[in-house]
PDB file of N, CA and C in Angstrom:
ATOM      1  N   MET A   1       9.884   5.425  15.893  1.00  0.00           N
ATOM      2  CA  MET A   1       9.254   4.366  15.123  1.00  0.00           C
ATOM      3  C   MET A   1       9.352   4.739  13.644  1.00  0.00           C
ATOM      4  N   ALA A   2       9.943   3.862  12.856  1.00  0.00           N
ATOM      5  CA  ALA A   2      10.066   4.064  11.416  1.00  0.00           C
ATOM      6  C   ALA A   2       8.834   3.469  10.735  1.00  0.00           C
ATOM      7  N   VAL A   3       8.094   4.305  10.055  1.00  0.00           N
ATOM      8  CA  VAL A   3       6.855   3.860   9.402  1.00  0.00           C
ATOM      9  C   VAL A   3       7.123   3.654   7.921  1.00  0.00           C
ATOM     10  N   ARG A   4       6.652   2.536   7.400  1.00  0.00           N
ATOM     11  CA  ARG A   4       6.739   2.225   5.978  1.00  0.00           C
ATOM     12  C   ARG A   4       5.335   2.071   5.419  1.00  0.00           C
ATOM     13  N   ILE A   5       5.158   2.520   4.186  1.00  0.00           N
ATOM     14  CA  ILE A   5       3.914   2.263   3.462  1.00  0.00           C
ATOM     15  C   ILE A   5       4.226   1.089   2.552  1.00  0.00           C
ATOM     16  N   ARG A   6       3.572  -0.048   2.811  1.00  0.00           N
ATOM     17  CA  ARG A   6       3.898  -1.266   2.083  1.00  0.00           C
ATOM     18  C   ARG A   6       2.653  -2.105   1.839  1.00  0.00           C
ATOM     19  N   MET A   7       2.857  -3.198   1.101  1.00  0.00           N
ATOM     20  CA  MET A   7       1.737  -4.066   0.764  1.00  0.00           C
ATOM     21  C   MET A   7       1.693  -5.247   1.722  1.00  0.00           C
ATOM     22  N   GLN A   8       0.476  -5.647   2.051  1.00  0.00           N
ATOM     23  CA  GLN A   8       0.228  -6.772   2.935  1.00  0.00           C
ATOM     24  C   GLN A   8      -0.560  -7.804   2.138  1.00  0.00           C
ATOM     25  N   ARG A   9      -0.023  -9.007   1.999  1.00  0.00           N
ATOM     26  CA  ARG A   9      -0.661 -10.013   1.150  1.00  0.00           C
ATOM     27  C   ARG A   9      -1.901 -10.582   1.809  1.00  0.00           C
ATOM     28  N   ARG A  10      -2.946 -10.632   1.017  1.00  0.00           N
ATOM     29  CA  ARG A  10      -4.199 -11.249   1.434  1.00  0.00           C
ATOM     30  C   ARG A  10      -4.617 -12.197   0.323  1.00  0.00           C
ATOM     31  N   GLY A  11      -5.714 -12.861   0.492  1.00  0.00           N
ATOM     32  CA  GLY A  11      -6.203 -13.772  -0.541  1.00  0.00           C
ATOM     33  C   GLY A  11      -5.669 -15.174  -0.331  1.00  0.00           C
ATOM     34  N   SER A  12      -6.128 -16.062  -1.169  1.00  0.00           N
ATOM     35  CA  SER A  12      -5.751 -17.468  -1.030  1.00  0.00           C
ATOM     36  C   SER A  12      -4.604 -17.819  -1.972  1.00  0.00           C
ATOM     37  N   LYS A  13      -4.222 -19.059  -1.937  1.00  0.00           N
ATOM     38  CA  LYS A  13      -3.133 -19.547  -2.769  1.00  0.00           C
ATOM     39  C   LYS A  13      -3.460 -19.319  -4.253  1.00  0.00           C
ATOM     40  N   LYS A  14      -2.525 -18.736  -4.962  1.00  0.00           N
ATOM     41  CA  LYS A  14      -2.632 -18.431  -6.396  1.00  0.00           C
ATOM     42  C   LYS A  14      -3.722 -17.407  -6.724  1.00  0.00           C
ATOM     43  N   ARG A  15      -4.276 -16.738  -5.725  1.00  0.00           N
ATOM     44  CA  ARG A  15      -5.273 -15.686  -5.928  1.00  0.00           C
ATOM     45  C   ARG A  15      -4.862 -14.474  -5.076  1.00  0.00           C
ATOM     46  N   PRO A  16      -3.727 -13.834  -5.400  1.00  0.00           N
ATOM     47  CA  PRO A  16      -3.223 -12.765  -4.540  1.00  0.00           C
ATOM     48  C   PRO A  16      -4.099 -11.521  -4.564  1.00  0.00           C
ATOM     49  N   PHE A  17      -4.110 -10.855  -3.447  1.00  0.00           N
ATOM     50  CA  PHE A  17      -4.836  -9.617  -3.246  1.00  0.00           C
ATOM     51  C   PHE A  17      -4.046  -8.879  -2.180  1.00  0.00           C
ATOM     52  N   TYR A  18      -3.772  -7.606  -2.382  1.00  0.00           N
ATOM     53  CA  TYR A  18      -2.901  -6.891  -1.460  1.00  0.00           C
ATOM     54  C   TYR A  18      -3.601  -5.683  -0.848  1.00  0.00           C
ATOM     55  N   ALA A  19      -3.348  -5.474   0.426  1.00  0.00           N
ATOM     56  CA  ALA A  19      -3.783  -4.259   1.109  1.00  0.00           C
ATOM     57  C   ALA A  19      -2.562  -3.358   1.214  1.00  0.00           C
ATOM     58  N   VAL A  20      -2.725  -2.078   0.924  1.00  0.00           N
ATOM     59  CA  VAL A  20      -1.645  -1.113   1.093  1.00  0.00           C
ATOM     60  C   VAL A  20      -1.836  -0.501   2.482  1.00  0.00           C
ATOM     61  N   VAL A  21      -0.816  -0.648   3.326  1.00  0.00           N
ATOM     62  CA  VAL A  21      -0.937  -0.244   4.720  1.00  0.00           C
ATOM     63  C   VAL A  21       0.254   0.599   5.151  1.00  0.00           C
ATOM     64  N   ALA A  22       0.036   1.398   6.189  1.00  0.00           N
ATOM     65  CA  ALA A  22       1.119   2.079   6.886  1.00  0.00           C
ATOM     66  C   ALA A  22       1.435   1.217   8.098  1.00  0.00           C
ATOM     67  N   ALA A  23       2.695   0.785   8.205  1.00  0.00           N
ATOM     68  CA  ALA A  23       3.063  -0.141   9.279  1.00  0.00           C
ATOM     69  C   ALA A  23       4.440   0.203   9.821  1.00  0.00           C
ATOM     70  N   ASP A  24       4.660  -0.166  11.066  1.00  0.00           N
ATOM     71  CA  ASP A  24       5.980  -0.051  11.662  1.00  0.00           C
ATOM     72  C   ASP A  24       6.914  -0.980  10.895  1.00  0.00           C
ATOM     73  N   SER A  25       8.092  -0.506  10.557  1.00  0.00           N
ATOM     74  CA  SER A  25       9.005  -1.299   9.732  1.00  0.00           C
ATOM     75  C   SER A  25       9.484  -2.557  10.438  1.00  0.00           C
ATOM     76  N   ARG A  26       9.364  -2.625  11.751  1.00  0.00           N
ATOM     77  CA  ARG A  26       9.807  -3.801  12.502  1.00  0.00           C
ATOM     78  C   ARG A  26       8.772  -4.919  12.518  1.00  0.00           C
ATOM     79  N   MET A  27       7.544  -4.634  12.109  1.00  0.00           N
ATOM     80  CA  MET A  27       6.481  -5.640  12.103  1.00  0.00           C
ATOM     81  C   MET A  27       6.626  -6.564  10.896  1.00  0.00           C
ATOM     82  N   PRO A  28       6.159  -7.812  10.994  1.00  0.00           N
ATOM     83  CA  PRO A  28       6.208  -8.723   9.849  1.00  0.00           C
ATOM     84  C   PRO A  28       5.306  -8.236   8.713  1.00  0.00           C
ATOM     85  N   ARG A  29       5.541  -8.762   7.531  1.00  0.00           N
ATOM     86  CA  ARG A  29       4.812  -8.328   6.337  1.00  0.00           C
ATOM     87  C   ARG A  29       3.304  -8.377   6.521  1.00  0.00           C
ATOM     88  N   ASP A  30       2.796  -9.458   7.066  1.00  0.00           N
ATOM     89  CA  ASP A  30       1.354  -9.611   7.235  1.00  0.00           C
ATOM     90  C   ASP A  30       0.924  -9.358   8.679  1.00  0.00           C
ATOM     91  N   GLY A  31       1.761  -8.676   9.436  1.00  0.00           N
ATOM     92  CA  GLY A  31       1.475  -8.455  10.842  1.00  0.00           C
ATOM     93  C   GLY A  31       0.659  -7.203  11.098  1.00  0.00           C
ATOM     94  N   ARG A  32       0.823  -6.678  12.295  1.00  0.00           N
ATOM     95  CA  ARG A  32       0.062  -5.513  12.746  1.00  0.00           C
ATOM     96  C   ARG A  32       0.412  -4.283  11.905  1.00  0.00           C
ATOM     97  N   PHE A  33      -0.580  -3.432  11.664  1.00  0.00           N
ATOM     98  CA  PHE A  33      -0.357  -2.212  10.901  1.00  0.00           C
ATOM     99  C   PHE A  33      -1.060  -1.050  11.582  1.00  0.00           C
ATOM    100  N   LEU A  34      -0.708   0.162  11.176  1.00  0.00           N
ATOM    101  CA  LEU A  34      -1.279   1.361  11.785  1.00  0.00           C
ATOM    102  C   LEU A  34      -2.570   1.791  11.104  1.00  0.00           C
ATOM    103  N   GLU A  35      -2.567   1.752   9.773  1.00  0.00           N
ATOM    104  CA  GLU A  35      -3.752   2.189   9.027  1.00  0.00           C
ATOM    105  C   GLU A  35      -3.769   1.547   7.649  1.00  0.00           C
ATOM    106  N   LYS A  36      -4.949   1.155   7.192  1.00  0.00           N
ATOM    107  CA  LYS A  36      -5.127   0.629   5.844  1.00  0.00           C
ATOM    108  C   LYS A  36      -5.371   1.801   4.908  1.00  0.00           C
ATOM    109  N   LEU A  37      -4.558   1.897   3.859  1.00  0.00           N
ATOM    110  CA  LEU A  37      -4.617   3.043   2.954  1.00  0.00           C
ATOM    111  C   LEU A  37      -5.265   2.725   1.612  1.00  0.00           C
ATOM    112  N   GLY A  38      -5.387   1.469   1.270  1.00  0.00           N
ATOM    113  CA  GLY A  38      -5.995   1.126  -0.005  1.00  0.00           C
ATOM    114  C   GLY A  38      -5.800  -0.343  -0.331  1.00  0.00           C
ATOM    115  N   VAL A  39      -6.102  -0.689  -1.581  1.00  0.00           N
ATOM    116  CA  VAL A  39      -5.988  -2.073  -2.039  1.00  0.00           C
ATOM    117  C   VAL A  39      -5.350  -2.121  -3.421  1.00  0.00           C
ATOM    118  N   PHE A  40      -4.744  -3.266  -3.722  1.00  0.00           N
ATOM    119  CA  PHE A  40      -4.175  -3.543  -5.039  1.00  0.00           C
ATOM    120  C   PHE A  40      -4.554  -4.967  -5.403  1.00  0.00           C
ATOM    121  N   ASN A  41      -5.226  -5.126  -6.547  1.00  0.00           N
ATOM    122  CA  ASN A  41      -5.637  -6.441  -7.020  1.00  0.00           C
ATOM    123  C   ASN A  41      -4.997  -6.683  -8.379  1.00  0.00           C
ATOM    124  N   PRO A  42      -3.902  -7.448  -8.450  1.00  0.00           N
ATOM    125  CA  PRO A  42      -3.204  -7.659  -9.717  1.00  0.00           C
ATOM    126  C   PRO A  42      -3.973  -8.516 -10.711  1.00  0.00           C
ATOM    127  N   LEU A  43      -5.022  -9.191 -10.289  1.00  0.00           N
ATOM    128  CA  LEU A  43      -5.766 -10.071 -11.179  1.00  0.00           C
ATOM    129  C   LEU A  43      -6.828  -9.339 -11.996  1.00  0.00           C
ATOM    130  N   LYS A  44      -7.171  -8.128 -11.597  1.00  0.00           N
ATOM    131  CA  LYS A  44      -8.186  -7.365 -12.322  1.00  0.00           C
ATOM    132  C   LYS A  44      -7.566  -6.674 -13.529  1.00  0.00           C
ATOM    133  N   GLU A  45      -8.358  -6.509 -14.574  1.00  0.00           N
ATOM    134  CA  GLU A  45      -7.885  -5.826 -15.780  1.00  0.00           C
ATOM    135  C   GLU A  45      -7.954  -4.303 -15.619  1.00  0.00           C
ATOM    136  N   THR A  46      -9.026  -3.827 -14.994  1.00  0.00           N
ATOM    137  CA  THR A  46      -9.188  -2.385 -14.782  1.00  0.00           C
ATOM    138  C   THR A  46      -9.355  -2.115 -13.292  1.00  0.00           C
ATOM    139  N   ASP A  47      -9.096  -0.904 -12.886  1.00  0.00           N
ATOM    140  CA  ASP A  47      -9.227  -0.488 -11.481  1.00  0.00           C
ATOM    141  C   ASP A  47      -8.453  -1.416 -10.543  1.00  0.00           C
ATOM    142  N   ARG A  48      -7.197  -1.642 -10.880  1.00  0.00           N
ATOM    143  CA  ARG A  48      -6.358  -2.533 -10.076  1.00  0.00           C
ATOM    144  C   ARG A  48      -5.947  -1.898  -8.758  1.00  0.00           C
ATOM    145  N   VAL A  49      -5.805  -0.564  -8.747  1.00  0.00           N
ATOM    146  CA  VAL A  49      -5.303   0.126  -7.559  1.00  0.00           C
ATOM    147  C   VAL A  49      -6.357   1.092  -7.046  1.00  0.00           C
ATOM    148  N   SER A  50      -6.576   1.075  -5.756  1.00  0.00           N
ATOM    149  CA  SER A  50      -7.477   2.019  -5.107  1.00  0.00           C
ATOM    150  C   SER A  50      -6.788   2.495  -3.835  1.00  0.00           C
ATOM    151  N   LEU A  51      -6.390   3.785  -3.817  1.00  0.00           N
ATOM    152  CA  LEU A  51      -5.690   4.341  -2.666  1.00  0.00           C
ATOM    153  C   LEU A  51      -6.392   5.591  -2.176  1.00  0.00           C
ATOM    154  N   ASN A  52      -6.365   5.800  -0.870  1.00  0.00           N
ATOM    155  CA  ASN A  52      -6.851   7.037  -0.275  1.00  0.00           C
ATOM    156  C   ASN A  52      -5.662   8.003  -0.270  1.00  0.00           C
ATOM    157  N   MET A  53      -5.545   8.821  -1.328  1.00  0.00           N
ATOM    158  CA  MET A  53      -4.365   9.661  -1.519  1.00  0.00           C
ATOM    159  C   MET A  53      -4.216  10.714  -0.427  1.00  0.00           C
ATOM    160  N   ASP A  54      -5.307  11.163   0.183  1.00  0.00           N
ATOM    161  CA  ASP A  54      -5.197  12.118   1.287  1.00  0.00           C
ATOM    162  C   ASP A  54      -4.407  11.506   2.437  1.00  0.00           C
ATOM    163  N   ARG A  55      -4.734  10.266   2.780  1.00  0.00           N
ATOM    164  CA  ARG A  55      -4.040   9.595   3.880  1.00  0.00           C
ATOM    165  C   ARG A  55      -2.615   9.195   3.497  1.00  0.00           C
ATOM    166  N   VAL A  56      -2.403   8.809   2.245  1.00  0.00           N
ATOM    167  CA  VAL A  56      -1.051   8.485   1.781  1.00  0.00           C
ATOM    168  C   VAL A  56      -0.164   9.724   1.892  1.00  0.00           C
ATOM    169  N   ASN A  57      -0.669  10.866   1.426  1.00  0.00           N
ATOM    170  CA  ASN A  57       0.102  12.113   1.509  1.00  0.00           C
ATOM    171  C   ASN A  57       0.342  12.520   2.960  1.00  0.00           C
ATOM    172  N   HIS A  58      -0.635  12.272   3.834  1.00  0.00           N
ATOM    173  CA  HIS A  58      -0.455  12.558   5.253  1.00  0.00           C
ATOM    174  C   HIS A  58       0.711  11.755   5.819  1.00  0.00           C
ATOM    175  N   TRP A  59       0.721  10.440   5.555  1.00  0.00           N
ATOM    176  CA  TRP A  59       1.775   9.595   6.101  1.00  0.00           C
ATOM    177  C   TRP A  59       3.139   9.957   5.527  1.00  0.00           C
ATOM    178  N   ILE A  60       3.194  10.272   4.255  1.00  0.00           N
ATOM    179  CA  ILE A  60       4.469  10.691   3.665  1.00  0.00           C
ATOM    180  C   ILE A  60       4.915  12.012   4.283  1.00  0.00           C
ATOM    181  N   GLY A  61       3.958  12.894   4.565  1.00  0.00           N
ATOM    182  CA  GLY A  61       4.264  14.178   5.183  1.00  0.00           C
ATOM    183  C   GLY A  61       4.826  14.065   6.589  1.00  0.00           C
ATOM    184  N   VAL A  62       4.440  13.027   7.313  1.00  0.00           N
ATOM    185  CA  VAL A  62       4.952  12.855   8.674  1.00  0.00           C
ATOM    186  C   VAL A  62       6.162  11.920   8.720  1.00  0.00           C
ATOM    187  N   GLY A  63       6.682  11.549   7.556  1.00  0.00           N
ATOM    188  CA  GLY A  63       7.944  10.814   7.523  1.00  0.00           C
ATOM    189  C   GLY A  63       7.888   9.364   7.113  1.00  0.00           C
ATOM    190  N   ALA A  64       6.746   8.857   6.731  1.00  0.00           N
ATOM    191  CA  ALA A  64       6.662   7.462   6.291  1.00  0.00           C
ATOM    192  C   ALA A  64       7.338   7.315   4.928  1.00  0.00           C
ATOM    193  N   VAL A  65       7.978   6.184   4.726  1.00  0.00           N
ATOM    194  CA  VAL A  65       8.689   5.920   3.477  1.00  0.00           C
ATOM    195  C   VAL A  65       7.967   4.807   2.733  1.00  0.00           C
ATOM    196  N   PRO A  66       7.502   5.073   1.502  1.00  0.00           N
ATOM    197  CA  PRO A  66       6.834   4.000   0.753  1.00  0.00           C
ATOM    198  C   PRO A  66       7.852   2.989   0.228  1.00  0.00           C
ATOM    199  N   SER A  67       7.430   1.734   0.148  1.00  0.00           N
ATOM    200  CA  SER A  67       8.283   0.709  -0.455  1.00  0.00           C
ATOM    201  C   SER A  67       8.390   0.994  -1.950  1.00  0.00           C
ATOM    202  N   ASP A  68       9.335   0.337  -2.617  1.00  0.00           N
ATOM    203  CA  ASP A  68       9.534   0.566  -4.049  1.00  0.00           C
ATOM    204  C   ASP A  68       8.272   0.268  -4.845  1.00  0.00           C
ATOM    205  N   THR A  69       7.608  -0.829  -4.523  1.00  0.00           N
ATOM    206  CA  THR A  69       6.394  -1.217  -5.246  1.00  0.00           C
ATOM    207  C   THR A  69       5.269  -0.227  -5.014  1.00  0.00           C
ATOM    208  N   VAL A  70       5.087   0.198  -3.780  1.00  0.00           N
ATOM    209  CA  VAL A  70       4.021   1.157  -3.474  1.00  0.00           C
ATOM    210  C   VAL A  70       4.329   2.504  -4.118  1.00  0.00           C
ATOM    211  N   GLU A  71       5.584   2.879  -4.149  1.00  0.00           N
ATOM    212  CA  GLU A  71       5.962   4.135  -4.805  1.00  0.00           C
ATOM    213  C   GLU A  71       5.611   4.096  -6.293  1.00  0.00           C
ATOM    214  N   ARG A  72       5.851   2.946  -6.936  1.00  0.00           N
ATOM    215  CA  ARG A  72       5.476   2.776  -8.338  1.00  0.00           C
ATOM    216  C   ARG A  72       3.966   2.861  -8.526  1.00  0.00           C
ATOM    217  N   LEU A  73       3.200   2.265  -7.610  1.00  0.00           N
ATOM    218  CA  LEU A  73       1.744   2.314  -7.693  1.00  0.00           C
ATOM    219  C   LEU A  73       1.232   3.744  -7.533  1.00  0.00           C
ATOM    220  N   ILE A  74       1.842   4.494  -6.618  1.00  0.00           N
ATOM    221  CA  ILE A  74       1.432   5.891  -6.395  1.00  0.00           C
ATOM    222  C   ILE A  74       1.691   6.721  -7.644  1.00  0.00           C
ATOM    223  N   LYS A  75       2.865   6.554  -8.237  1.00  0.00           N
ATOM    224  CA  LYS A  75       3.197   7.300  -9.464  1.00  0.00           C
ATOM    225  C   LYS A  75       2.266   6.930 -10.599  1.00  0.00           C
ATOM    226  N   GLN A  76       1.949   5.635 -10.704  1.00  0.00           N
ATOM    227  CA  GLN A  76       1.042   5.158 -11.745  1.00  0.00           C
ATOM    228  C   GLN A  76      -0.355   5.760 -11.554  1.00  0.00           C
ATOM    229  N   LEU A  77      -0.806   5.834 -10.327  1.00  0.00           N
ATOM    230  CA  LEU A  77      -2.115   6.380 -10.022  1.00  0.00           C
ATOM    231  C   LEU A  77      -2.166   7.881 -10.302  1.00  0.00           C
ATOM    232  N   GLN A  78      -1.088   8.595  -9.982  1.00  0.00           N
ATOM    233  CA  GLN A  78      -1.036  10.042 -10.224  1.00  0.00           C
ATOM    234  C   GLN A  78      -0.951  10.348 -11.715  1.00  0.00           C
ATOM    235  N   ALA A  79      -0.317   9.463 -12.491  1.00  0.00           N
ATOM    236  CA  ALA A  79      -0.203   9.687 -13.932  1.00  0.00           C
ATOM    237  C   ALA A  79      -1.554   9.542 -14.627  1.00  0.00           C
ATOM    238  N   THR A  80      -2.424   8.670 -14.116  1.00  0.00           N
ATOM    239  CA  THR A  80      -3.714   8.462 -14.745  1.00  0.00           C
ATOM    240  C   THR A  80      -4.727   9.516 -14.304  1.00  0.00           C
ATOM    241  N   ALA A  81      -4.463  10.185 -13.177  1.00  0.00           N
ATOM    242  CA  ALA A  81      -5.423  11.186 -12.668  1.00  0.00           C
ATOM    243  C   ALA A  81      -5.239  12.530 -13.323  1.00  0.00           C
TER     244      ALA A  81
END
């Protein structure tokens, strides 16, 4: 099973809100996932990203591949910490 760390769209029309999840790569974007790792809210000015870095590092350690967008969010979060 190939695991990807990716974003799952939530929220209503024109009010996007994303959950960062670890999911099987064969599942649909908003489908079943293995674990919720955090949230991303592009509409907020501050505290847009909230990730459980312990769990993110765990999934990367066992072979999960983050999507390009999630990889950018992780780097952005590590740069501010």
